[in-house]
């Protein structure tokens, strides 16, 4: 059984992996292109599972979990290359959503 990882742990793990190669992180536009590619692959899996357009028998079978993992890896690479602490970014965005959207949605009964 593996222990749970923090966002900072994930960022360090990716940085250690990329840091072993001379090439390092891709430039920002290349990273954005890779992220877009991975998002497209995730969209294709969502369409396959939940949408009207199913995969052809000749198309490789992947999972949404695998595609989300690929997207997360590239997102972490982008954050690391830009020296962005994703934990801090997450904390800021959660505070923004909690404040801005506090009366926007209907709470479930157990949260009232």
PDB file of N, CA and C in Angstrom:
ATOM      1  N   UNK A   1       0.844  -1.183   0.000  1.00  0.00           N
ATOM      2  CA  UNK A   1       0.000   0.000   0.000  1.00  0.00           C
ATOM      3  C   UNK A   1       0.887   1.244   0.000  1.00  0.00           C
ATOM      4  N   UNK A   2       0.598   2.183  -0.895  1.00  0.00           N
ATOM      5  CA  UNK A   2       1.383   3.407  -0.949  1.00  0.00           C
ATOM      6  C   UNK A   2       0.742   4.474  -0.079  1.00  0.00           C
ATOM      7  N   UNK A   3       1.580   5.354   0.438  1.00  0.00           N
ATOM      8  CA  UNK A   3       1.053   6.431   1.269  1.00  0.00           C
ATOM      9  C   UNK A   3       0.524   7.548   0.377  1.00  0.00           C
ATOM     10  N   UNK A   4      -0.352   8.352   0.943  1.00  0.00           N
ATOM     11  CA  UNK A   4      -0.895   9.477   0.197  1.00  0.00           C
ATOM     12  C   UNK A   4       0.201  10.512  -0.017  1.00  0.00           C
ATOM     13  N   UNK A   5       0.155  11.171  -1.158  1.00  0.00           N
ATOM     14  CA  UNK A   5       1.151  12.170  -1.509  1.00  0.00           C
ATOM     15  C   UNK A   5       0.514  13.555  -1.512  1.00  0.00           C
ATOM     16  N   UNK A   6       1.264  14.536  -1.080  1.00  0.00           N
ATOM     17  CA  UNK A   6       0.797  15.908  -1.161  1.00  0.00           C
ATOM     18  C   UNK A   6       1.100  16.441  -2.560  1.00  0.00           C
ATOM     19  N   UNK A   7       0.525  17.580  -2.863  1.00  0.00           N
ATOM     20  CA  UNK A   7       0.822  18.211  -4.150  1.00  0.00           C
ATOM     21  C   UNK A   7       2.310  18.549  -4.214  1.00  0.00           C
ATOM     22  N   UNK A   8       2.873  19.024  -3.121  1.00  0.00           N
ATOM     23  CA  UNK A   8       4.305  19.357  -3.102  1.00  0.00           C
ATOM     24  C   UNK A   8       5.156  18.106  -3.326  1.00  0.00           C
ATOM     25  N   UNK A   9       4.724  16.985  -2.757  1.00  0.00           N
ATOM     26  CA  UNK A   9       5.441  15.728  -2.974  1.00  0.00           C
ATOM     27  C   UNK A   9       5.397  15.343  -4.448  1.00  0.00           C
ATOM     28  N   UNK A  10       4.230  15.482  -5.070  1.00  0.00           N
ATOM     29  CA  UNK A  10       4.111  15.180  -6.500  1.00  0.00           C
ATOM     30  C   UNK A  10       5.026  16.087  -7.318  1.00  0.00           C
ATOM     31  N   UNK A  11       5.043  17.371  -6.978  1.00  0.00           N
ATOM     32  CA  UNK A  11       5.895  18.299  -7.720  1.00  0.00           C
ATOM     33  C   UNK A  11       7.372  17.933  -7.572  1.00  0.00           C
ATOM     34  N   UNK A  12       7.791  17.540  -6.383  1.00  0.00           N
ATOM     35  CA  UNK A  12       9.186  17.154  -6.177  1.00  0.00           C
ATOM     36  C   UNK A  12       9.505  15.861  -6.923  1.00  0.00           C
ATOM     37  N   UNK A  13       8.585  14.918  -6.881  1.00  0.00           N
ATOM     38  CA  UNK A  13       8.791  13.646  -7.564  1.00  0.00           C
ATOM     39  C   UNK A  13       8.977  13.856  -9.073  1.00  0.00           C
ATOM     40  N   UNK A  14       8.146  14.698  -9.655  1.00  0.00           N
ATOM     41  CA  UNK A  14       8.275  15.002 -11.085  1.00  0.00           C
ATOM     42  C   UNK A  14       9.571  15.759 -11.343  1.00  0.00           C
ATOM     43  N   UNK A  15       9.903  16.718 -10.481  1.00  0.00           N
ATOM     44  CA  UNK A  15      11.128  17.488 -10.656  1.00  0.00           C
ATOM     45  C   UNK A  15      12.365  16.600 -10.562  1.00  0.00           C
ATOM     46  N   UNK A  16      12.360  15.659  -9.641  1.00  0.00           N
ATOM     47  CA  UNK A  16      13.479  14.710  -9.526  1.00  0.00           C
ATOM     48  C   UNK A  16      13.594  13.858 -10.790  1.00  0.00           C
ATOM     49  N   UNK A  17      12.459  13.446 -11.325  1.00  0.00           N
ATOM     50  CA  UNK A  17      12.468  12.630 -12.537  1.00  0.00           C
ATOM     51  C   UNK A  17      13.018  13.433 -13.723  1.00  0.00           C
ATOM     52  N   UNK A  18      12.473  14.622 -13.939  1.00  0.00           N
ATOM     53  CA  UNK A  18      12.910  15.451 -15.071  1.00  0.00           C
ATOM     54  C   UNK A  18      14.355  15.907 -14.878  1.00  0.00           C
ATOM     55  N   UNK A  19      14.744  16.158 -13.635  1.00  0.00           N
ATOM     56  CA  UNK A  19      16.082  16.660 -13.331  1.00  0.00           C
ATOM     57  C   UNK A  19      17.213  15.709 -13.679  1.00  0.00           C
ATOM     58  N   UNK A  20      16.915  14.454 -13.903  1.00  0.00           N
ATOM     59  CA  UNK A  20      17.971  13.500 -14.250  1.00  0.00           C
ATOM     60  C   UNK A  20      18.364  13.574 -15.726  1.00  0.00           C
ATOM     61  N   UNK A  21      17.634  14.366 -16.514  1.00  0.00           N
ATOM     62  CA  UNK A  21      17.909  14.477 -17.945  1.00  0.00           C
ATOM     63  C   UNK A  21      18.447  15.859 -18.292  1.00  0.00           C
ATOM     64  N   UNK A  22      19.437  15.914 -19.169  1.00  0.00           N
ATOM     65  CA  UNK A  22      20.050  17.174 -19.586  1.00  0.00           C
ATOM     66  C   UNK A  22      19.039  18.138 -20.193  1.00  0.00           C
ATOM     67  N   UNK A  23      18.070  17.589 -20.932  1.00  0.00           N
ATOM     68  CA  UNK A  23      17.112  18.448 -21.629  1.00  0.00           C
ATOM     69  C   UNK A  23      16.208  19.227 -20.673  1.00  0.00           C
ATOM     70  N   UNK A  24      15.931  18.673 -19.512  1.00  0.00           N
ATOM     71  CA  UNK A  24      15.068  19.345 -18.536  1.00  0.00           C
ATOM     72  C   UNK A  24      13.652  19.533 -19.039  1.00  0.00           C
ATOM     73  N   UNK A  25      13.009  20.564 -18.538  1.00  0.00           N
ATOM     74  CA  UNK A  25      11.623  20.840 -18.916  1.00  0.00           C
ATOM     75  C   UNK A  25      11.560  21.437 -20.319  1.00  0.00           C
ATOM     76  N   UNK A  26      10.441  21.156 -20.995  1.00  0.00           N
ATOM     77  CA  UNK A  26      10.205  21.757 -22.305  1.00  0.00           C
ATOM     78  C   UNK A  26       9.934  23.253 -22.137  1.00  0.00           C
ATOM     79  N   UNK A  27      10.126  24.035 -23.187  1.00  0.00           N
ATOM     80  CA  UNK A  27       9.756  25.461 -23.133  1.00  0.00           C
ATOM     81  C   UNK A  27       8.242  25.616 -22.960  1.00  0.00           C
ATOM     82  N   UNK A  28       7.786  26.786 -22.508  1.00  0.00           N
ATOM     83  CA  UNK A  28       6.369  26.985 -22.191  1.00  0.00           C
ATOM     84  C   UNK A  28       5.390  26.630 -23.317  1.00  0.00           C
ATOM     85  N   UNK A  29       5.656  27.046 -24.546  1.00  0.00           N
ATOM     86  CA  UNK A  29       4.696  26.752 -25.615  1.00  0.00           C
ATOM     87  C   UNK A  29       4.667  25.267 -25.957  1.00  0.00           C
ATOM     88  N   UNK A  30       5.799  24.602 -25.857  1.00  0.00           N
ATOM     89  CA  UNK A  30       5.839  23.154 -26.071  1.00  0.00           C
ATOM     90  C   UNK A  30       5.050  22.450 -24.960  1.00  0.00           C
ATOM     91  N   UNK A  31       5.201  22.946 -23.737  1.00  0.00           N
ATOM     92  CA  UNK A  31       4.479  22.379 -22.597  1.00  0.00           C
ATOM     93  C   UNK A  31       2.973  22.568 -22.781  1.00  0.00           C
ATOM     94  N   UNK A  32       2.583  23.740 -23.248  1.00  0.00           N
ATOM     95  CA  UNK A  32       1.176  24.011 -23.492  1.00  0.00           C
ATOM     96  C   UNK A  32       0.628  23.100 -24.590  1.00  0.00           C
ATOM     97  N   UNK A  33       1.421  22.872 -25.622  1.00  0.00           N
ATOM     98  CA  UNK A  33       1.009  21.955 -26.691  1.00  0.00           C
ATOM     99  C   UNK A  33       0.850  20.540 -26.152  1.00  0.00           C
ATOM    100  N   UNK A  34       1.770  20.113 -25.297  1.00  0.00           N
ATOM    101  CA  UNK A  34       1.667  18.773 -24.703  1.00  0.00           C
ATOM    102  C   UNK A  34       0.425  18.664 -23.820  1.00  0.00           C
ATOM    103  N   UNK A  35       0.145  19.731 -23.055  1.00  0.00           N
ATOM    104  CA  UNK A  35      -1.029  19.727 -22.194  1.00  0.00           C
ATOM    105  C   UNK A  35      -2.301  19.648 -23.042  1.00  0.00           C
ATOM    106  N   UNK A  36      -2.333  20.386 -24.133  1.00  0.00           N
ATOM    107  CA  UNK A  36      -3.479  20.362 -25.040  1.00  0.00           C
ATOM    108  C   UNK A  36      -3.659  18.976 -25.645  1.00  0.00           C
ATOM    109  N   UNK A  37      -2.554  18.354 -26.016  1.00  0.00           N
ATOM    110  CA  UNK A  37      -2.601  16.992 -26.568  1.00  0.00           C
ATOM    111  C   UNK A  37      -3.184  16.017 -25.544  1.00  0.00           C
ATOM    112  N   UNK A  38      -2.698  16.099 -24.317  1.00  0.00           N
ATOM    113  CA  UNK A  38      -3.197  15.198 -23.268  1.00  0.00           C
ATOM    114  C   UNK A  38      -4.666  15.466 -22.958  1.00  0.00           C
ATOM    115  N   UNK A  39      -5.071  16.732 -22.975  1.00  0.00           N
ATOM    116  CA  UNK A  39      -6.470  17.064 -22.740  1.00  0.00           C
ATOM    117  C   UNK A  39      -7.343  16.492 -23.857  1.00  0.00           C
ATOM    118  N   UNK A  40      -6.854  16.538 -25.085  1.00  0.00           N
ATOM    119  CA  UNK A  40      -7.585  15.946 -26.204  1.00  0.00           C
ATOM    120  C   UNK A  40      -7.746  14.443 -26.040  1.00  0.00           C
ATOM    121  N   UNK A  41      -6.693  13.784 -25.570  1.00  0.00           N
ATOM    122  CA  UNK A  41      -6.772  12.339 -25.342  1.00  0.00           C
ATOM    123  C   UNK A  41      -7.763  12.014 -24.230  1.00  0.00           C
ATOM    124  N   UNK A  42      -7.794  12.844 -23.194  1.00  0.00           N
ATOM    125  CA  UNK A  42      -8.774  12.664 -22.132  1.00  0.00           C
ATOM    126  C   UNK A  42     -10.187  12.882 -22.681  1.00  0.00           C
ATOM    127  N   UNK A  43     -10.365  13.909 -23.493  1.00  0.00           N
ATOM    128  CA  UNK A  43     -11.673  14.182 -24.085  1.00  0.00           C
ATOM    129  C   UNK A  43     -12.140  13.000 -24.931  1.00  0.00           C
ATOM    130  N   UNK A  44     -11.223  12.384 -25.636  1.00  0.00           N
ATOM    131  CA  UNK A  44     -11.568  11.224 -26.464  1.00  0.00           C
ATOM    132  C   UNK A  44     -12.044  10.068 -25.589  1.00  0.00           C
ATOM    133  N   UNK A  45     -11.390   9.852 -24.455  1.00  0.00           N
ATOM    134  CA  UNK A  45     -11.814   8.780 -23.542  1.00  0.00           C
ATOM    135  C   UNK A  45     -13.178   9.076 -22.925  1.00  0.00           C
ATOM    136  N   UNK A  46     -13.409  10.335 -22.548  1.00  0.00           N
ATOM    137  CA  UNK A  46     -14.716  10.709 -21.991  1.00  0.00           C
ATOM    138  C   UNK A  46     -15.798  10.487 -23.048  1.00  0.00           C
ATOM    139  N   UNK A  47     -15.510  10.882 -24.269  1.00  0.00           N
ATOM    140  CA  UNK A  47     -16.462  10.682 -25.369  1.00  0.00           C
ATOM    141  C   UNK A  47     -16.741   9.194 -25.577  1.00  0.00           C
ATOM    142  N   UNK A  48     -15.698   8.400 -25.479  1.00  0.00           N
ATOM    143  CA  UNK A  48     -15.840   6.950 -25.660  1.00  0.00           C
ATOM    144  C   UNK A  48     -16.737   6.340 -24.574  1.00  0.00           C
ATOM    145  N   UNK A  49     -16.530   6.763 -23.340  1.00  0.00           N
ATOM    146  CA  UNK A  49     -17.264   6.181 -22.214  1.00  0.00           C
ATOM    147  C   UNK A  49     -18.664   6.784 -22.065  1.00  0.00           C
ATOM    148  N   UNK A  50     -18.763   8.106 -22.188  1.00  0.00           N
ATOM    149  CA  UNK A  50     -20.021   8.783 -21.868  1.00  0.00           C
ATOM    150  C   UNK A  50     -20.723   9.407 -23.070  1.00  0.00           C
ATOM    151  N   UNK A  51     -20.058   9.493 -24.196  1.00  0.00           N
ATOM    152  CA  UNK A  51     -20.617  10.204 -25.335  1.00  0.00           C
ATOM    153  C   UNK A  51     -21.230   9.295 -26.381  1.00  0.00           C
ATOM    154  N   UNK A  52     -21.632   9.927 -27.444  1.00  0.00           N
ATOM    155  CA  UNK A  52     -22.285   9.226 -28.545  1.00  0.00           C
ATOM    156  C   UNK A  52     -21.268   8.585 -29.496  1.00  0.00           C
ATOM    157  N   UNK A  53     -20.094   9.164 -29.591  1.00  0.00           N
ATOM    158  CA  UNK A  53     -19.102   8.684 -30.551  1.00  0.00           C
ATOM    159  C   UNK A  53     -18.185   7.668 -29.884  1.00  0.00           C
ATOM    160  N   UNK A  54     -18.415   6.420 -30.156  1.00  0.00           N
ATOM    161  CA  UNK A  54     -17.619   5.349 -29.567  1.00  0.00           C
ATOM    162  C   UNK A  54     -16.354   5.121 -30.384  1.00  0.00           C
ATOM    163  N   UNK A  55     -15.366   4.500 -29.766  1.00  0.00           N
ATOM    164  CA  UNK A  55     -14.106   4.207 -30.442  1.00  0.00           C
ATOM    165  C   UNK A  55     -14.286   3.165 -31.533  1.00  0.00           C
ATOM    166  N   UNK A  56     -13.427   3.264 -32.517  1.00  0.00           N
ATOM    167  CA  UNK A  56     -13.366   2.233 -33.550  1.00  0.00           C
ATOM    168  C   UNK A  56     -12.636   1.032 -32.965  1.00  0.00           C
ATOM    169  N   UNK A  57     -12.875  -0.123 -33.506  1.00  0.00           N
ATOM    170  CA  UNK A  57     -12.211  -1.333 -33.001  1.00  0.00           C
ATOM    171  C   UNK A  57     -10.700  -1.255 -33.179  1.00  0.00           C
ATOM    172  N   UNK A  58     -10.221  -0.427 -34.115  1.00  0.00           N
ATOM    173  CA  UNK A  58      -8.784  -0.302 -34.360  1.00  0.00           C
ATOM    174  C   UNK A  58      -8.102   0.669 -33.387  1.00  0.00           C
ATOM    175  N   UNK A  59      -8.888   1.435 -32.609  1.00  0.00           N
ATOM    176  CA  UNK A  59      -8.315   2.406 -31.677  1.00  0.00           C
ATOM    177  C   UNK A  59      -7.884   1.729 -30.378  1.00  0.00           C
ATOM    178  N   UNK A  60      -6.776   2.182 -29.849  1.00  0.00           N
ATOM    179  CA  UNK A  60      -6.238   1.628 -28.600  1.00  0.00           C
ATOM    180  C   UNK A  60      -7.190   1.904 -27.441  1.00  0.00           C
ATOM    181  N   UNK A  61      -7.305   0.933 -26.557  1.00  0.00           N
ATOM    182  CA  UNK A  61      -8.125   1.090 -25.363  1.00  0.00           C
ATOM    183  C   UNK A  61      -7.273   1.708 -24.261  1.00  0.00           C
ATOM    184  N   UNK A  62      -7.676   2.858 -23.774  1.00  0.00           N
ATOM    185  CA  UNK A  62      -7.025   3.508 -22.643  1.00  0.00           C
ATOM    186  C   UNK A  62      -8.106   3.793 -21.623  1.00  0.00           C
ATOM    187  N   UNK A  63      -7.716   4.370 -20.511  1.00  0.00           N
ATOM    188  CA  UNK A  63      -8.697   4.678 -19.483  1.00  0.00           C
ATOM    189  C   UNK A  63      -8.644   6.165 -19.150  1.00  0.00           C
ATOM    190  N   UNK A  64      -9.744   6.668 -18.624  1.00  0.00           N
ATOM    191  CA  UNK A  64      -9.761   8.062 -18.181  1.00  0.00           C
ATOM    192  C   UNK A  64      -8.723   8.272 -17.083  1.00  0.00           C
ATOM    193  N   UNK A  65      -8.543   7.262 -16.240  1.00  0.00           N
ATOM    194  CA  UNK A  65      -7.534   7.361 -15.173  1.00  0.00           C
ATOM    195  C   UNK A  65      -6.149   7.573 -15.760  1.00  0.00           C
ATOM    196  N   UNK A  66      -5.809   6.798 -16.771  1.00  0.00           N
ATOM    197  CA  UNK A  66      -4.503   6.924 -17.417  1.00  0.00           C
ATOM    198  C   UNK A  66      -4.346   8.302 -18.051  1.00  0.00           C
ATOM    199  N   UNK A  67      -5.389   8.767 -18.740  1.00  0.00           N
ATOM    200  CA  UNK A  67      -5.312  10.059 -19.419  1.00  0.00           C
ATOM    201  C   UNK A  67      -5.265  11.214 -18.418  1.00  0.00           C
ATOM    202  N   UNK A  68      -6.005  11.109 -17.325  1.00  0.00           N
ATOM    203  CA  UNK A  68      -5.920  12.132 -16.273  1.00  0.00           C
ATOM    204  C   UNK A  68      -4.522  12.152 -15.656  1.00  0.00           C
ATOM    205  N   UNK A  69      -3.938  10.970 -15.479  1.00  0.00           N
ATOM    206  CA  UNK A  69      -2.572  10.883 -14.953  1.00  0.00           C
ATOM    207  C   UNK A  69      -1.577  11.547 -15.884  1.00  0.00           C
ATOM    208  N   UNK A  70      -1.722  11.318 -17.190  1.00  0.00           N
ATOM    209  CA  UNK A  70      -0.843  11.964 -18.168  1.00  0.00           C
ATOM    210  C   UNK A  70      -0.995  13.482 -18.119  1.00  0.00           C
ATOM    211  N   UNK A  71      -2.240  13.948 -18.040  1.00  0.00           N
ATOM    212  CA  UNK A  71      -2.503  15.382 -17.981  1.00  0.00           C
ATOM    213  C   UNK A  71      -1.932  15.988 -16.700  1.00  0.00           C
ATOM    214  N   UNK A  72      -2.094  15.291 -15.582  1.00  0.00           N
ATOM    215  CA  UNK A  72      -1.548  15.765 -14.312  1.00  0.00           C
ATOM    216  C   UNK A  72      -0.021  15.873 -14.381  1.00  0.00           C
ATOM    217  N   UNK A  73       0.622  14.890 -14.979  1.00  0.00           N
ATOM    218  CA  UNK A  73       2.076  14.912 -15.101  1.00  0.00           C
ATOM    219  C   UNK A  73       2.534  16.148 -15.878  1.00  0.00           C
ATOM    220  N   UNK A  74       1.896  16.415 -17.008  1.00  0.00           N
ATOM    221  CA  UNK A  74       2.294  17.569 -17.826  1.00  0.00           C
ATOM    222  C   UNK A  74       1.968  18.873 -17.098  1.00  0.00           C
ATOM    223  N   UNK A  75       0.838  18.921 -16.396  1.00  0.00           N
ATOM    224  CA  UNK A  75       0.485  20.105 -15.617  1.00  0.00           C
ATOM    225  C   UNK A  75       1.536  20.375 -14.536  1.00  0.00           C
ATOM    226  N   UNK A  76       1.981  19.331 -13.864  1.00  0.00           N
ATOM    227  CA  UNK A  76       3.012  19.481 -12.838  1.00  0.00           C
ATOM    228  C   UNK A  76       4.332  19.921 -13.479  1.00  0.00           C
ATOM    229  N   UNK A  77       4.661  19.352 -14.631  1.00  0.00           N
ATOM    230  CA  UNK A  77       5.872  19.794 -15.343  1.00  0.00           C
ATOM    231  C   UNK A  77       5.800  21.288 -15.644  1.00  0.00           C
ATOM    232  N   UNK A  78       4.646  21.734 -16.133  1.00  0.00           N
ATOM    233  CA  UNK A  78       4.468  23.150 -16.459  1.00  0.00           C
ATOM    234  C   UNK A  78       4.642  24.011 -15.208  1.00  0.00           C
ATOM    235  N   UNK A  79       3.990  23.613 -14.130  1.00  0.00           N
ATOM    236  CA  UNK A  79       4.094  24.360 -12.875  1.00  0.00           C
ATOM    237  C   UNK A  79       5.545  24.417 -12.392  1.00  0.00           C
ATOM    238  N   UNK A  80       6.223  23.284 -12.422  1.00  0.00           N
ATOM    239  CA  UNK A  80       7.611  23.247 -11.977  1.00  0.00           C
ATOM    240  C   UNK A  80       8.497  24.135 -12.841  1.00  0.00           C
ATOM    241  N   UNK A  81       8.329  24.051 -14.151  1.00  0.00           N
ATOM    242  CA  UNK A  81       9.149  24.844 -15.067  1.00  0.00           C
ATOM    243  C   UNK A  81       8.948  26.337 -14.830  1.00  0.00           C
ATOM    244  N   UNK A  82       7.737  26.704 -14.420  1.00  0.00           N
ATOM    245  CA  UNK A  82       7.416  28.116 -14.176  1.00  0.00           C
ATOM    246  C   UNK A  82       7.585  28.505 -12.705  1.00  0.00           C
ATOM    247  N   UNK A  83       8.098  27.570 -11.895  1.00  0.00           N
ATOM    248  CA  UNK A  83       8.333  27.804 -10.452  1.00  0.00           C
ATOM    249  C   UNK A  83       7.048  28.186  -9.715  1.00  0.00           C
ATOM    250  N   UNK A  84       5.968  27.475 -10.043  1.00  0.00           N
ATOM    251  CA  UNK A  84       4.667  27.710  -9.412  1.00  0.00           C
ATOM    252  C   UNK A  84       4.411  26.617  -8.382  1.00  0.00           C
ATOM    253  N   UNK A  85       4.141  27.024  -7.160  1.00  0.00           N
ATOM    254  CA  UNK A  85       3.798  26.106  -6.080  1.00  0.00           C
ATOM    255  C   UNK A  85       2.305  25.784  -6.222  1.00  0.00           C
ATOM    256  N   UNK A  86       2.010  24.570  -6.673  1.00  0.00           N
ATOM    257  CA  UNK A  86       0.626  24.193  -6.932  1.00  0.00           C
ATOM    258  C   UNK A  86      -0.222  24.140  -5.660  1.00  0.00           C
ATOM    259  N   UNK A  87       0.388  23.864  -4.519  1.00  0.00           N
ATOM    260  CA  UNK A  87      -0.368  23.875  -3.260  1.00  0.00           C
ATOM    261  C   UNK A  87      -0.876  25.277  -2.977  1.00  0.00           C
ATOM    262  N   UNK A  88      -0.003  26.266  -3.131  1.00  0.00           N
ATOM    263  CA  UNK A  88      -0.418  27.659  -2.920  1.00  0.00           C
ATOM    264  C   UNK A  88      -1.459  28.084  -3.946  1.00  0.00           C
ATOM    265  N   UNK A  89      -1.256  27.685  -5.203  1.00  0.00           N
ATOM    266  CA  UNK A  89      -2.224  28.016  -6.262  1.00  0.00           C
ATOM    267  C   UNK A  89      -3.579  27.404  -5.942  1.00  0.00           C
ATOM    268  N   UNK A  90      -3.572  26.153  -5.486  1.00  0.00           N
ATOM    269  CA  UNK A  90      -4.817  25.480  -5.121  1.00  0.00           C
ATOM    270  C   UNK A  90      -5.498  26.187  -3.949  1.00  0.00           C
ATOM    271  N   UNK A  91      -4.725  26.541  -2.932  1.00  0.00           N
ATOM    272  CA  UNK A  91      -5.301  27.213  -1.771  1.00  0.00           C
ATOM    273  C   UNK A  91      -5.950  28.533  -2.167  1.00  0.00           C
ATOM    274  N   UNK A  92      -5.285  29.288  -3.057  1.00  0.00           N
ATOM    275  CA  UNK A  92      -5.844  30.568  -3.502  1.00  0.00           C
ATOM    276  C   UNK A  92      -7.135  30.373  -4.299  1.00  0.00           C
ATOM    277  N   UNK A  93      -7.138  29.398  -5.186  1.00  0.00           N
ATOM    278  CA  UNK A  93      -8.331  29.196  -6.012  1.00  0.00           C
ATOM    279  C   UNK A  93      -9.499  28.673  -5.170  1.00  0.00           C
ATOM    280  N   UNK A  94      -9.229  27.834  -4.169  1.00  0.00           N
ATOM    281  CA  UNK A  94     -10.307  27.354  -3.298  1.00  0.00           C
ATOM    282  C   UNK A  94     -10.891  28.503  -2.481  1.00  0.00           C
ATOM    283  N   UNK A  95     -10.045  29.408  -2.005  1.00  0.00           N
ATOM    284  CA  UNK A  95     -10.537  30.574  -1.263  1.00  0.00           C
ATOM    285  C   UNK A  95     -11.389  31.453  -2.173  1.00  0.00           C
ATOM    286  N   UNK A  96     -10.949  31.621  -3.417  1.00  0.00           N
ATOM    287  CA  UNK A  96     -11.703  32.421  -4.384  1.00  0.00           C
ATOM    288  C   UNK A  96     -13.069  31.796  -4.650  1.00  0.00           C
ATOM    289  N   UNK A  97     -13.096  30.500  -4.941  1.00  0.00           N
ATOM    290  CA  UNK A  97     -14.372  29.842  -5.228  1.00  0.00           C
ATOM    291  C   UNK A  97     -15.278  29.823  -4.005  1.00  0.00           C
ATOM    292  N   UNK A  98     -14.714  29.567  -2.833  1.00  0.00           N
ATOM    293  CA  UNK A  98     -15.517  29.514  -1.604  1.00  0.00           C
ATOM    294  C   UNK A  98     -16.187  30.854  -1.322  1.00  0.00           C
ATOM    295  N   UNK A  99     -15.476  31.920  -1.564  1.00  0.00           N
ATOM    296  CA  UNK A  99     -16.025  33.257  -1.328  1.00  0.00           C
ATOM    297  C   UNK A  99     -16.992  33.658  -2.433  1.00  0.00           C
ATOM    298  N   UNK A 100     -16.568  33.542  -3.674  1.00  0.00           N
ATOM    299  CA  UNK A 100     -17.355  33.999  -4.816  1.00  0.00           C
ATOM    300  C   UNK A 100     -18.629  33.184  -5.009  1.00  0.00           C
ATOM    301  N   UNK A 101     -18.546  31.884  -4.807  1.00  0.00           N
ATOM    302  CA  UNK A 101     -19.661  30.999  -5.131  1.00  0.00           C
ATOM    303  C   UNK A 101     -20.425  30.494  -3.912  1.00  0.00           C
ATOM    304  N   UNK A 102     -20.236  31.111  -2.751  1.00  0.00           N
ATOM    305  CA  UNK A 102     -20.841  30.568  -1.534  1.00  0.00           C
ATOM    306  C   UNK A 102     -22.362  30.519  -1.594  1.00  0.00           C
ATOM    307  N   UNK A 103     -22.998  31.389  -2.340  1.00  0.00           N
ATOM    308  CA  UNK A 103     -24.464  31.376  -2.448  1.00  0.00           C
ATOM    309  C   UNK A 103     -24.935  31.027  -3.858  1.00  0.00           C
ATOM    310  N   UNK A 104     -24.036  30.557  -4.679  1.00  0.00           N
ATOM    311  CA  UNK A 104     -24.364  30.271  -6.071  1.00  0.00           C
ATOM    312  C   UNK A 104     -25.064  28.924  -6.257  1.00  0.00           C
ATOM    313  N   UNK A 105     -24.707  27.950  -5.446  1.00  0.00           N
ATOM    314  CA  UNK A 105     -25.204  26.591  -5.611  1.00  0.00           C
ATOM    315  C   UNK A 105     -26.054  26.200  -4.413  1.00  0.00           C
ATOM    316  N   UNK A 106     -26.896  25.205  -4.599  1.00  0.00           N
ATOM    317  CA  UNK A 106     -27.764  24.713  -3.533  1.00  0.00           C
ATOM    318  C   UNK A 106     -27.006  23.671  -2.722  1.00  0.00           C
ATOM    319  N   UNK A 107     -26.844  23.939  -1.423  1.00  0.00           N
ATOM    320  CA  UNK A 107     -26.147  22.998  -0.560  1.00  0.00           C
ATOM    321  C   UNK A 107     -26.970  21.731  -0.347  1.00  0.00           C
ATOM    322  N   UNK A 108     -26.288  20.618  -0.200  1.00  0.00           N
ATOM    323  CA  UNK A 108     -26.951  19.380   0.177  1.00  0.00           C
ATOM    324  C   UNK A 108     -27.424  19.532   1.617  1.00  0.00           C
ATOM    325  N   UNK A 109     -28.421  18.767   1.998  1.00  0.00           N
ATOM    326  CA  UNK A 109     -29.004  18.878   3.333  1.00  0.00           C
ATOM    327  C   UNK A 109     -27.978  18.695   4.441  1.00  0.00           C
ATOM    328  N   UNK A 110     -27.043  17.733   4.290  1.00  0.00           N
ATOM    329  CA  UNK A 110     -26.083  17.460   5.366  1.00  0.00           C
ATOM    330  C   UNK A 110     -25.069  18.592   5.547  1.00  0.00           C
ATOM    331  N   UNK A 111     -24.993  19.537   4.610  1.00  0.00           N
ATOM    332  CA  UNK A 111     -24.073  20.665   4.721  1.00  0.00           C
ATOM    333  C   UNK A 111     -24.765  21.951   5.151  1.00  0.00           C
ATOM    334  N   UNK A 112     -26.066  21.901   5.386  1.00  0.00           N
ATOM    335  CA  UNK A 112     -26.819  23.106   5.750  1.00  0.00           C
ATOM    336  C   UNK A 112     -26.592  23.492   7.188  1.00  0.00           C
TER     337      UNK A 112
END
